[in-house]
PDB file of N, CA and C in Angstrom:
ATOM      1  N   MET A   1     114.264  91.524 105.007  1.00  0.00           N
ATOM      2  CA  MET A   1     112.942  91.799 105.153  1.00  0.00           C
ATOM      3  C   MET A   1     112.523  93.133 105.202  1.00  0.00           C
ATOM      4  N   LEU A   2     111.256  93.212 105.308  1.00  0.00           N
ATOM      5  CA  LEU A   2     110.816  94.887 105.460  1.00  0.00           C
ATOM      6  C   LEU A   2     109.619  94.972 105.987  1.00  0.00           C
ATOM      7  N   ASP A   3     109.326  95.558 106.641  1.00  0.00           N
ATOM      8  CA  ASP A   3     107.388  95.354 106.812  1.00  0.00           C
ATOM      9  C   ASP A   3     107.913  93.698 107.220  1.00  0.00           C
ATOM     10  N   GLY A   4     108.061  93.152 107.625  1.00  0.00           N
ATOM     11  CA  GLY A   4     107.758  90.823 108.054  1.00  0.00           C
ATOM     12  C   GLY A   4     107.837  91.094 106.668  1.00  0.00           C
ATOM     13  N   ARG A   5     108.216  91.261 105.529  1.00  0.00           N
ATOM     14  CA  ARG A   5     107.516  90.808 103.968  1.00  0.00           C
ATOM     15  C   ARG A   5     109.256  90.031 103.604  1.00  0.00           C
ATOM     16  N   GLU A   6     109.069  89.427 103.017  1.00  0.00           N
ATOM     17  CA  GLU A   6     110.696  89.302 102.009  1.00  0.00           C
ATOM     18  C   GLU A   6     110.782  89.951 100.651  1.00  0.00           C
ATOM     19  N   TRP A   7     111.661  90.403 100.258  1.00  0.00           N
ATOM     20  CA  TRP A   7     111.752  90.993  98.911  1.00  0.00           C
ATOM     21  C   TRP A   7     113.320  91.269  98.453  1.00  0.00           C
ATOM     22  N   THR A   8     112.501  91.696  97.705  1.00  0.00           N
ATOM     23  CA  THR A   8     113.883  91.710  95.933  1.00  0.00           C
ATOM     24  C   THR A   8     113.821  92.809  95.892  1.00  0.00           C
ATOM     25  N   LEU A   9     115.859  93.098  95.564  1.00  0.00           N
ATOM     26  CA  LEU A   9     115.628  93.944  95.471  1.00  0.00           C
ATOM     27  C   LEU A   9     117.179  94.156  94.469  1.00  0.00           C
ATOM     28  N   VAL A  10     117.206  94.803  93.684  1.00  0.00           N
ATOM     29  CA  VAL A  10     118.459  94.728  92.381  1.00  0.00           C
ATOM     30  C   VAL A  10     118.837  96.255  92.113  1.00  0.00           C
ATOM     31  N   LEU A  11     120.543  96.320  92.228  1.00  0.00           N
ATOM     32  CA  LEU A  11     119.610  97.624  91.368  1.00  0.00           C
ATOM     33  C   LEU A  11     120.905  97.989  90.121  1.00  0.00           C
ATOM     34  N   THR A  12     119.673  98.116  89.235  1.00  0.00           N
ATOM     35  CA  THR A  12     119.664  98.081  88.033  1.00  0.00           C
ATOM     36  C   THR A  12     120.495  98.951  87.070  1.00  0.00           C
ATOM     37  N   LEU A  13     120.406  99.248  85.942  1.00  0.00           N
ATOM     38  CA  LEU A  13     120.693 100.264  85.062  1.00  0.00           C
ATOM     39  C   LEU A  13     120.241 101.501  85.854  1.00  0.00           C
ATOM     40  N   GLY A  14     118.293 101.667  85.302  1.00  0.00           N
ATOM     41  CA  GLY A  14     117.780 102.624  85.987  1.00  0.00           C
ATOM     42  C   GLY A  14     117.998 103.076  86.931  1.00  0.00           C
ATOM     43  N   ALA A  15     118.136 101.028  88.086  1.00  0.00           N
ATOM     44  CA  ALA A  15     118.295 102.162  89.554  1.00  0.00           C
ATOM     45  C   ALA A  15     119.378 102.576  89.426  1.00  0.00           C
ATOM     46  N   LEU A  16     120.043 102.851  89.502  1.00  0.00           N
ATOM     47  CA  LEU A  16     121.575 103.243  88.963  1.00  0.00           C
ATOM     48  C   LEU A  16     121.532 104.084  88.185  1.00  0.00           C
ATOM     49  N   ALA A  17     120.685 104.712  87.139  1.00  0.00           N
ATOM     50  CA  ALA A  17     120.920 105.486  87.005  1.00  0.00           C
ATOM     51  C   ALA A  17     120.366 106.929  88.198  1.00  0.00           C
ATOM     52  N   GLU A  18     118.840 105.924  88.783  1.00  0.00           N
ATOM     53  CA  GLU A  18     117.932 107.050  89.725  1.00  0.00           C
ATOM     54  C   GLU A  18     119.062 107.317  90.687  1.00  0.00           C
ATOM     55  N   LEU A  19     120.049 107.038  91.350  1.00  0.00           N
ATOM     56  CA  LEU A  19     120.526 107.413  92.545  1.00  0.00           C
ATOM     57  C   LEU A  19     121.672 108.221  91.518  1.00  0.00           C
ATOM     58  N   GLU A  20     122.584 108.469  90.661  1.00  0.00           N
ATOM     59  CA  GLU A  20     123.022 109.093  90.006  1.00  0.00           C
ATOM     60  C   GLU A  20     122.846 110.291  89.860  1.00  0.00           C
ATOM     61  N   ASP A  21     121.738 110.486  89.498  1.00  0.00           N
ATOM     62  CA  ASP A  21     120.434 111.337  89.604  1.00  0.00           C
ATOM     63  C   ASP A  21     120.548 111.791  90.535  1.00  0.00           C
ATOM     64  N   ALA A  22     119.871 111.286  91.652  1.00  0.00           N
ATOM     65  CA  ALA A  22     119.476 111.961  93.303  1.00  0.00           C
ATOM     66  C   ALA A  22     121.157 112.363  94.254  1.00  0.00           C
ATOM     67  N   TYR A  23     122.483 112.114  92.994  1.00  0.00           N
ATOM     68  CA  TYR A  23     123.047 111.809  93.861  1.00  0.00           C
ATOM     69  C   TYR A  23     123.623 112.695  93.120  1.00  0.00           C
ATOM     70  N   ALA A  24     123.594 113.880  92.432  1.00  0.00           N
ATOM     71  CA  ALA A  24     123.885 114.492  91.319  1.00  0.00           C
ATOM     72  C   ALA A  24     125.458 113.787  90.718  1.00  0.00           C
ATOM     73  N   CYS A  25     125.388 112.528  90.840  1.00  0.00           N
ATOM     74  CA  CYS A  25     127.291 111.946  89.593  1.00  0.00           C
ATOM     75  C   CYS A  25     126.931 112.044  88.651  1.00  0.00           C
ATOM     76  N   ALA A  26     128.184 111.746  87.797  1.00  0.00           N
ATOM     77  CA  ALA A  26     128.415 112.124  86.781  1.00  0.00           C
ATOM     78  C   ALA A  26     128.937 110.632  86.224  1.00  0.00           C
ATOM     79  N   ASP A  27     129.407 109.813  86.699  1.00  0.00           N
ATOM     80  CA  ASP A  27     129.408 108.648  86.792  1.00  0.00           C
ATOM     81  C   ASP A  27     129.360 107.471  87.218  1.00  0.00           C
ATOM     82  N   LEU A  28     129.309 105.861  87.277  1.00  0.00           N
ATOM     83  CA  LEU A  28     128.670 105.315  88.581  1.00  0.00           C
ATOM     84  C   LEU A  28     130.269 105.612  89.071  1.00  0.00           C
ATOM     85  N   GLN A  29     131.465 105.252  88.904  1.00  0.00           N
ATOM     86  CA  GLN A  29     132.611 105.715  89.259  1.00  0.00           C
ATOM     87  C   GLN A  29     132.323 106.565  91.167  1.00  0.00           C
ATOM     88  N   ALA A  30     131.566 108.275  90.208  1.00  0.00           N
ATOM     89  CA  ALA A  30     131.660 108.642  91.532  1.00  0.00           C
ATOM     90  C   ALA A  30     130.302 108.049  92.169  1.00  0.00           C
ATOM     91  N   LEU A  31     129.283 107.270  91.782  1.00  0.00           N
ATOM     92  CA  LEU A  31     128.634 107.493  93.050  1.00  0.00           C
ATOM     93  C   LEU A  31     129.375 105.997  93.707  1.00  0.00           C
ATOM     94  N   VAL A  32     130.194 105.178  93.136  1.00  0.00           N
ATOM     95  CA  VAL A  32     131.100 104.093  93.845  1.00  0.00           C
ATOM     96  C   VAL A  32     131.635 104.835  95.239  1.00  0.00           C
ATOM     97  N   GLU A  33     132.608 106.013  94.782  1.00  0.00           N
ATOM     98  CA  GLU A  33     133.469 106.793  95.774  1.00  0.00           C
ATOM     99  C   GLU A  33     132.123 107.636  96.498  1.00  0.00           C
ATOM    100  N   ARG A  34     130.799 107.714  96.042  1.00  0.00           N
ATOM    101  CA  ARG A  34     130.295 108.366  97.089  1.00  0.00           C
ATOM    102  C   ARG A  34     129.879 107.244  98.738  1.00  0.00           C
ATOM    103  N   PHE A  35     129.569 106.241  98.007  1.00  0.00           N
ATOM    104  CA  PHE A  35     129.525 104.918  99.087  1.00  0.00           C
ATOM    105  C   PHE A  35     130.675 104.686  99.799  1.00  0.00           C
ATOM    106  N   ALA A  36     131.792 104.308  98.742  1.00  0.00           N
ATOM    107  CA  ALA A  36     133.362 103.745  99.320  1.00  0.00           C
ATOM    108  C   ALA A  36     133.634 104.012 100.829  1.00  0.00           C
ATOM    109  N   GLY A  37     133.195 105.437 101.411  1.00  0.00           N
ATOM    110  CA  GLY A  37     133.193 105.320 102.984  1.00  0.00           C
ATOM    111  C   GLY A  37     132.623 104.909 103.703  1.00  0.00           C
ATOM    112  N   GLY A  38     131.924 104.019 103.114  1.00  0.00           N
ATOM    113  CA  GLY A  38     131.003 103.420 104.559  1.00  0.00           C
ATOM    114  C   GLY A  38     129.955 104.640 104.858  1.00  0.00           C
ATOM    115  N   ARG A  39     129.872 105.747 104.915  1.00  0.00           N
ATOM    116  CA  ARG A  39     129.174 106.556 106.112  1.00  0.00           C
ATOM    117  C   ARG A  39     127.363 107.055 105.426  1.00  0.00           C
ATOM    118  N   LEU A  40     126.815 105.664 106.177  1.00  0.00           N
ATOM    119  CA  LEU A  40     125.412 106.752 105.257  1.00  0.00           C
ATOM    120  C   LEU A  40     124.574 107.288 106.069  1.00  0.00           C
ATOM    121  N   SER A  41     123.989 108.482 105.802  1.00  0.00           N
ATOM    122  CA  SER A  41     122.860 108.922 106.561  1.00  0.00           C
ATOM    123  C   SER A  41     121.349 107.784 106.313  1.00  0.00           C
ATOM    124  N   ALA A  42     120.403 107.995 107.004  1.00  0.00           N
ATOM    125  CA  ALA A  42     119.436 107.668 106.810  1.00  0.00           C
ATOM    126  C   ALA A  42     118.724 107.563 105.111  1.00  0.00           C
ATOM    127  N   ARG A  43     118.562 109.255 104.787  1.00  0.00           N
ATOM    128  CA  ARG A  43     117.824 109.771 103.912  1.00  0.00           C
ATOM    129  C   ARG A  43     118.869 108.534 102.833  1.00  0.00           C
ATOM    130  N   ASP A  44     120.137 108.052 102.689  1.00  0.00           N
ATOM    131  CA  ASP A  44     120.736 107.156 101.393  1.00  0.00           C
ATOM    132  C   ASP A  44     120.385 105.163 101.689  1.00  0.00           C
ATOM    133  N   MET A  45     120.385 104.999 102.909  1.00  0.00           N
ATOM    134  CA  MET A  45     119.753 104.034 102.868  1.00  0.00           C
ATOM    135  C   MET A  45     118.174 103.903 102.561  1.00  0.00           C
ATOM    136  N   VAL A  46     116.988 104.587 102.641  1.00  0.00           N
ATOM    137  CA  VAL A  46     115.915 104.810 102.145  1.00  0.00           C
ATOM    138  C   VAL A  46     115.714 104.703 100.582  1.00  0.00           C
ATOM    139  N   ARG A  47     116.713 106.172 100.551  1.00  0.00           N
ATOM    140  CA  ARG A  47     117.047 105.684  98.657  1.00  0.00           C
ATOM    141  C   ARG A  47     117.674 104.858  97.866  1.00  0.00           C
ATOM    142  N   LEU A  48     118.864 104.330  98.888  1.00  0.00           N
ATOM    143  CA  LEU A  48     119.546 103.085  97.940  1.00  0.00           C
ATOM    144  C   LEU A  48     118.082 101.795  98.111  1.00  0.00           C
ATOM    145  N   ILE A  49     117.447 101.261  98.928  1.00  0.00           N
ATOM    146  CA  ILE A  49     116.458 100.246  99.168  1.00  0.00           C
ATOM    147  C   ILE A  49     115.757 100.623  97.952  1.00  0.00           C
ATOM    148  N   GLY A  50     115.257 101.881  98.442  1.00  0.00           N
ATOM    149  CA  GLY A  50     114.152 102.122  97.351  1.00  0.00           C
ATOM    150  C   GLY A  50     114.195 101.887  96.018  1.00  0.00           C
ATOM    151  N   ALA A  51     115.564 102.561  95.201  1.00  0.00           N
ATOM    152  CA  ALA A  51     115.254 102.240  93.867  1.00  0.00           C
ATOM    153  C   ALA A  51     116.029 100.504  94.136  1.00  0.00           C
ATOM    154  N   GLY A  52     116.005 100.127  95.567  1.00  0.00           N
ATOM    155  CA  GLY A  52     117.611  98.709  94.569  1.00  0.00           C
ATOM    156  C   GLY A  52     115.321  97.649  94.614  1.00  0.00           C
ATOM    157  N   LEU A  53     114.444  98.446  95.466  1.00  0.00           N
ATOM    158  CA  LEU A  53     112.848  97.644  95.162  1.00  0.00           C
ATOM    159  C   LEU A  53     112.511  97.570  94.457  1.00  0.00           C
ATOM    160  N   ARG A  54     112.962  99.338  92.975  1.00  0.00           N
ATOM    161  CA  ARG A  54     111.494 100.236  91.916  1.00  0.00           C
ATOM    162  C   ARG A  54     112.735  99.130  91.376  1.00  0.00           C
ATOM    163  N   GLY A  55     114.334  98.884  91.407  1.00  0.00           N
ATOM    164  CA  GLY A  55     114.743  97.761  90.224  1.00  0.00           C
ATOM    165  C   GLY A  55     114.108  96.293  89.824  1.00  0.00           C
ATOM    166  N   ALA A  56     113.694  95.912  90.877  1.00  0.00           N
ATOM    167  CA  ALA A  56     113.369  94.122  90.936  1.00  0.00           C
ATOM    168  C   ALA A  56     111.798  95.050  90.444  1.00  0.00           C
ATOM    169  N   GLY A  57     111.577  95.914  89.796  1.00  0.00           N
ATOM    170  CA  GLY A  57     109.917  95.451  89.798  1.00  0.00           C
ATOM    171  C   GLY A  57     108.884  96.011  91.114  1.00  0.00           C
ATOM    172  N   ASN A  58     109.239  96.571  91.939  1.00  0.00           N
ATOM    173  CA  ASN A  58     108.343  96.495  92.781  1.00  0.00           C
ATOM    174  C   ASN A  58     108.019  98.166  92.792  1.00  0.00           C
ATOM    175  N   VAL A  59     106.833  98.758  93.751  1.00  0.00           N
ATOM    176  CA  VAL A  59     106.286  99.608  93.200  1.00  0.00           C
ATOM    177  C   VAL A  59     105.963 100.130  94.392  1.00  0.00           C
ATOM    178  N   VAL A  60     106.872 100.931  94.610  1.00  0.00           N
ATOM    179  CA  VAL A  60     106.899 101.768  95.896  1.00  0.00           C
ATOM    180  C   VAL A  60     107.749 103.029  95.699  1.00  0.00           C
ATOM    181  N   THR A  61     106.850 103.798  96.744  1.00  0.00           N
ATOM    182  CA  THR A  61     108.243 105.443  96.935  1.00  0.00           C
ATOM    183  C   THR A  61     109.086 105.349  97.738  1.00  0.00           C
ATOM    184  N   ASP A  62     109.822 106.531  97.866  1.00  0.00           N
ATOM    185  CA  ASP A  62     111.115 106.387  98.656  1.00  0.00           C
ATOM    186  C   ASP A  62     110.510 106.488 100.670  1.00  0.00           C
ATOM    187  N   ASP A  63     109.385 107.536 100.314  1.00  0.00           N
ATOM    188  CA  ASP A  63     108.304 107.506 101.695  1.00  0.00           C
ATOM    189  C   ASP A  63     107.294 106.140 102.084  1.00  0.00           C
ATOM    190  N   GLN A  64     106.965 105.878 100.906  1.00  0.00           N
ATOM    191  CA  GLN A  64     106.409 104.298 101.388  1.00  0.00           C
ATOM    192  C   GLN A  64     108.390 103.154 101.560  1.00  0.00           C
ATOM    193  N   VAL A  65     109.457 103.402 101.775  1.00  0.00           N
ATOM    194  CA  VAL A  65     110.152 102.954 102.459  1.00  0.00           C
ATOM    195  C   VAL A  65     111.084 103.422 103.379  1.00  0.00           C
ATOM    196  N   ALA A  66     110.730 104.750 103.383  1.00  0.00           N
ATOM    197  CA  ALA A  66     111.499 106.001 105.052  1.00  0.00           C
ATOM    198  C   ALA A  66     109.909 104.999 105.639  1.00  0.00           C
ATOM    199  N   SER A  67     108.660 104.705 105.769  1.00  0.00           N
ATOM    200  CA  SER A  67     107.723 103.789 107.103  1.00  0.00           C
ATOM    201  C   SER A  67     108.075 102.134 107.370  1.00  0.00           C
ATOM    202  N   MET A  68     109.300 101.964 106.355  1.00  0.00           N
ATOM    203  CA  MET A  68     109.721 100.927 106.620  1.00  0.00           C
ATOM    204  C   MET A  68     110.056 100.616 107.725  1.00  0.00           C
ATOM    205  N   THR A  69     109.971  99.346 108.511  1.00  0.00           N
ATOM    206  CA  THR A  69     110.480  98.461 109.768  1.00  0.00           C
ATOM    207  C   THR A  69     111.818  97.241 108.782  1.00  0.00           C
ATOM    208  N   ALA A  70     113.023  97.466 109.591  1.00  0.00           N
ATOM    209  CA  ALA A  70     113.575  96.537 109.307  1.00  0.00           C
ATOM    210  C   ALA A  70     114.405  95.017 110.787  1.00  0.00           C
ATOM    211  N   PRO A  71     114.406  93.854 110.338  1.00  0.00           N
ATOM    212  CA  PRO A  71     114.590  93.450 111.724  1.00  0.00           C
ATOM    213  C   PRO A  71     115.852  93.792 112.606  1.00  0.00           C
ATOM    214  N   GLY A  72     115.852  94.427 113.149  1.00  0.00           N
ATOM    215  CA  GLY A  72     117.572  95.185 114.022  1.00  0.00           C
ATOM    216  C   GLY A  72     117.634  96.433 114.056  1.00  0.00           C
ATOM    217  N   GLY A  73     115.885  96.865 113.288  1.00  0.00           N
ATOM    218  CA  GLY A  73     116.606  98.311 112.808  1.00  0.00           C
ATOM    219  C   GLY A  73     117.552  98.845 112.403  1.00  0.00           C
ATOM    220  N   ALA A  74     117.992 100.490 112.589  1.00  0.00           N
ATOM    221  CA  ALA A  74     119.026 100.697 111.756  1.00  0.00           C
ATOM    222  C   ALA A  74     120.198  99.859 111.499  1.00  0.00           C
ATOM    223  N   PRO A  75     120.899  99.511 112.026  1.00  0.00           N
ATOM    224  CA  PRO A  75     121.706  98.245 112.065  1.00  0.00           C
ATOM    225  C   PRO A  75     121.507  96.751 110.976  1.00  0.00           C
ATOM    226  N   GLY A  76     119.730  96.995 110.718  1.00  0.00           N
ATOM    227  CA  GLY A  76     119.610  96.124 110.063  1.00  0.00           C
ATOM    228  C   GLY A  76     119.247  96.563 108.002  1.00  0.00           C
ATOM    229  N   PHE A  77     118.786  97.936 108.427  1.00  0.00           N
ATOM    230  CA  PHE A  77     119.203  98.573 107.282  1.00  0.00           C
ATOM    231  C   PHE A  77     119.631  98.817 106.591  1.00  0.00           C
ATOM    232  N   ALA A  78     121.269  99.052 107.330  1.00  0.00           N
ATOM    233  CA  ALA A  78     122.534  98.997 106.867  1.00  0.00           C
ATOM    234  C   ALA A  78     123.138  97.849 106.175  1.00  0.00           C
ATOM    235  N   ALA A  79     122.487  96.140 107.018  1.00  0.00           N
ATOM    236  CA  ALA A  79     123.128  95.167 106.878  1.00  0.00           C
ATOM    237  C   ALA A  79     122.572  95.711 105.065  1.00  0.00           C
ATOM    238  N   ILE A  80     121.044  95.460 104.887  1.00  0.00           N
ATOM    239  CA  ILE A  80     119.992  95.595 103.451  1.00  0.00           C
ATOM    240  C   ILE A  80     121.450  96.290 102.602  1.00  0.00           C
ATOM    241  N   VAL A  81     121.840  97.537 102.680  1.00  0.00           N
ATOM    242  CA  VAL A  81     122.367  98.268 102.061  1.00  0.00           C
ATOM    243  C   VAL A  81     123.991  98.209 101.801  1.00  0.00           C
ATOM    244  N   ALA A  82     124.847  97.950 101.948  1.00  0.00           N
ATOM    245  CA  ALA A  82     125.700  97.185 102.197  1.00  0.00           C
ATOM    246  C   ALA A  82     125.950  95.439 101.780  1.00  0.00           C
ATOM    247  N   ASP A  83     124.975  95.199 102.160  1.00  0.00           N
ATOM    248  CA  ASP A  83     124.561  93.813 101.313  1.00  0.00           C
ATOM    249  C   ASP A  83     123.929  93.826  99.487  1.00  0.00           C
ATOM    250  N   LEU A  84     123.503  95.054  99.340  1.00  0.00           N
ATOM    251  CA  LEU A  84     123.224  95.076  97.967  1.00  0.00           C
ATOM    252  C   LEU A  84     124.132  96.038  97.108  1.00  0.00           C
ATOM    253  N   LEU A  85     125.420  96.907  97.905  1.00  0.00           N
ATOM    254  CA  LEU A  85     126.264  97.521  97.433  1.00  0.00           C
ATOM    255  C   LEU A  85     127.052  96.409  97.117  1.00  0.00           C
ATOM    256  N   ARG A  86     127.477  95.313  98.480  1.00  0.00           N
ATOM    257  CA  ARG A  86     128.335  94.827  98.080  1.00  0.00           C
ATOM    258  C   ARG A  86     127.615  93.964  96.230  1.00  0.00           C
ATOM    259  N   VAL A  87     126.774  93.694  96.432  1.00  0.00           N
ATOM    260  CA  VAL A  87     126.476  92.130  96.082  1.00  0.00           C
ATOM    261  C   VAL A  87     126.782  92.871  94.168  1.00  0.00           C
ATOM    262  N   THR A  88     126.221  94.276  94.576  1.00  0.00           N
ATOM    263  CA  THR A  88     126.353  95.366  92.961  1.00  0.00           C
ATOM    264  C   THR A  88     127.830  95.635  92.310  1.00  0.00           C
ATOM    265  N   PHE A  89     128.252  95.742  93.472  1.00  0.00           N
ATOM    266  CA  PHE A  89     129.942  96.604  93.159  1.00  0.00           C
ATOM    267  C   PHE A  89     131.141  95.613  92.891  1.00  0.00           C
ATOM    268  N   SER A  90     130.830  94.679  93.670  1.00  0.00           N
ATOM    269  CA  SER A  90     131.703  93.882  93.778  1.00  0.00           C
ATOM    270  C   SER A  90     132.092  93.180  92.441  1.00  0.00           C
ATOM    271  N   ASP A  91     133.102  92.591  92.474  1.00  0.00           N
ATOM    272  CA  ASP A  91     133.730  91.360  91.912  1.00  0.00           C
ATOM    273  C   ASP A  91     133.772  90.048  91.994  1.00  0.00           C
ATOM    274  N   ALA A  92     132.870  88.965  91.398  1.00  0.00           N
ATOM    275  CA  ALA A  92     132.781  87.913  92.451  1.00  0.00           C
ATOM    276  C   ALA A  92     134.459  87.287  92.242  1.00  0.00           C
ATOM    277  N   ASP A  93     134.820  87.228  91.119  1.00  0.00           N
ATOM    278  CA  ASP A  93     136.438  87.126  91.192  1.00  0.00           C
ATOM    279  C   ASP A  93     137.709  88.015  92.016  1.00  0.00           C
ATOM    280  N   ASP A  94     137.115  88.919  93.000  1.00  0.00           N
ATOM    281  CA  ASP A  94     137.996  89.517  94.276  1.00  0.00           C
ATOM    282  C   ASP A  94     137.527  88.556  95.318  1.00  0.00           C
ATOM    283  N   ASP A  95     136.560  87.316  95.422  1.00  0.00           N
ATOM    284  CA  ASP A  95     136.393  86.948  96.184  1.00  0.00           C
ATOM    285  C   ASP A  95     137.300  85.953  97.106  1.00  0.00           C
ATOM    286  N   GLY A  96     137.708  85.385  96.019  1.00  0.00           N
ATOM    287  CA  GLY A  96     138.950  84.005  96.259  1.00  0.00           C
ATOM    288  C   GLY A  96     137.196  83.108  95.285  1.00  0.00           C
ATOM    289  N   GLY A  97     136.536  83.416  94.769  1.00  0.00           N
ATOM    290  CA  GLY A  97     136.229  82.246  93.718  1.00  0.00           C
ATOM    291  C   GLY A  97     135.048  82.239  94.187  1.00  0.00           C
ATOM    292  N   ASP A  98     134.371  82.927  94.878  1.00  0.00           N
ATOM    293  CA  ASP A  98     133.020  82.629  95.253  1.00  0.00           C
ATOM    294  C   ASP A  98     131.900  82.612  94.092  1.00  0.00           C
ATOM    295  N   ASP A  99     131.186  81.922  94.292  1.00  0.00           N
ATOM    296  CA  ASP A  99     130.269  81.859  93.287  1.00  0.00           C
ATOM    297  C   ASP A  99     129.172  82.190  93.277  1.00  0.00           C
ATOM    298  N   GLY A 100     128.967  83.583  94.018  1.00  0.00           N
ATOM    299  CA  GLY A 100     127.615  85.002  94.026  1.00  0.00           C
ATOM    300  C   GLY A 100     126.660  83.985  94.665  1.00  0.00           C
ATOM    301  N   GLU A 101     126.495  82.546  95.236  1.00  0.00           N
ATOM    302  CA  GLU A 101     124.897  82.238  95.619  1.00  0.00           C
ATOM    303  C   GLU A 101     124.911  82.793  96.584  1.00  0.00           C
ATOM    304  N   ASP A 102     126.360  83.122  97.370  1.00  0.00           N
ATOM    305  CA  ASP A 102     125.980  83.550  99.597  1.00  0.00           C
ATOM    306  C   ASP A 102     124.612  85.237  98.547  1.00  0.00           C
ATOM    307  N   GLU A 103     125.175  85.797  98.428  1.00  0.00           N
ATOM    308  CA  GLU A 103     125.224  87.118  97.989  1.00  0.00           C
ATOM    309  C   GLU A 103     123.962  87.156  97.334  1.00  0.00           C
ATOM    310  N   VAL A 104     123.056  86.407  96.511  1.00  0.00           N
ATOM    311  CA  VAL A 104     121.776  86.093  96.129  1.00  0.00           C
ATOM    312  C   VAL A 104     120.679  85.575  97.050  1.00  0.00           C
ATOM    313  N   ALA A 105     121.137  85.067  98.431  1.00  0.00           N
ATOM    314  CA  ALA A 105     120.047  84.543  99.501  1.00  0.00           C
ATOM    315  C   ALA A 105     120.409  84.910 100.128  1.00  0.00           C
ATOM    316  N   GLU A 106     121.222  86.326 100.543  1.00  0.00           N
ATOM    317  CA  GLU A 106     120.927  87.122 101.432  1.00  0.00           C
ATOM    318  C   GLU A 106     120.394  88.408 100.535  1.00  0.00           C
ATOM    319  N   THR A 107     120.785  88.761  99.471  1.00  0.00           N
ATOM    320  CA  THR A 107     119.547  89.575  98.810  1.00  0.00           C
ATOM    321  C   THR A 107     118.715  89.956  98.352  1.00  0.00           C
ATOM    322  N   GLY A 108     118.433  88.868  97.383  1.00  0.00           N
ATOM    323  CA  GLY A 108     117.751  88.325  96.518  1.00  0.00           C
ATOM    324  C   GLY A 108     117.692  88.554  95.112  1.00  0.00           C
ATOM    325  N   ALA A 109     119.290  88.937  94.890  1.00  0.00           N
ATOM    326  CA  ALA A 109     119.390  90.128  94.014  1.00  0.00           C
ATOM    327  C   ALA A 109     119.656  88.782  92.832  1.00  0.00           C
ATOM    328  N   ASN A 110     119.788  88.825  91.439  1.00  0.00           N
ATOM    329  CA  ASN A 110     120.490  87.658  90.366  1.00  0.00           C
ATOM    330  C   ASN A 110     121.428  88.298  90.096  1.00  0.00           C
ATOM    331  N   PRO A 111     122.701  86.894  90.297  1.00  0.00           N
ATOM    332  CA  PRO A 111     123.945  86.754  90.430  1.00  0.00           C
ATOM    333  C   PRO A 111     124.200  87.481  88.393  1.00  0.00           C
ATOM    334  N   PRO A 112     125.296  87.923  88.571  1.00  0.00           N
ATOM    335  CA  PRO A 112     126.193  88.797  86.872  1.00  0.00           C
ATOM    336  C   PRO A 112     126.343  87.175  86.156  1.00  0.00           C
ATOM    337  N   PRO A 113     126.149  87.796  85.029  1.00  0.00           N
ATOM    338  CA  PRO A 113     126.131  86.633  84.454  1.00  0.00           C
ATOM    339  C   PRO A 113     127.270  85.663  84.121  1.00  0.00           C
ATOM    340  N   PRO A 114     127.796  84.761  84.046  1.00  0.00           N
ATOM    341  CA  PRO A 114     129.187  84.060  83.830  1.00  0.00           C
ATOM    342  C   PRO A 114     129.822  84.893  82.339  1.00  0.00           C
ATOM    343  N   ARG A 115     131.291  85.067  83.294  1.00  0.00           N
ATOM    344  CA  ARG A 115     131.979  85.576  82.366  1.00  0.00           C
ATOM    345  C   ARG A 115     132.818  84.376  81.699  1.00  0.00           C
ATOM    346  N   GLY A 116     133.516  84.437  80.306  1.00  0.00           N
ATOM    347  CA  GLY A 116     133.251  83.756  79.434  1.00  0.00           C
ATOM    348  C   GLY A 116     134.860  83.353  78.974  1.00  0.00           C
TER     349      GLY A 116
END
């Protein structure tokens, strides 16, 4: 929920490339390492949420994201970002066999295709 509206956020390859450029990361591993410490600035959250919104096909700028509100304030934004990163970078097999449905419900992201 942002600005009282439910949105879908997805970090597509295009959205991840946008973040690599924004953070001058050479590859996805460098991007993962950047966020692995769990310390995010407000600017980081704006960039991540903006990239996730655009990845889901929403037309929104980072300036527009910066003026949005989330339930719970800053902790609400942090929860959105944490869910988005977890859904994007976690391996469903690592969490005890979860099918990913909880993550989809929380973030609106599409789960990865089943592994063959």
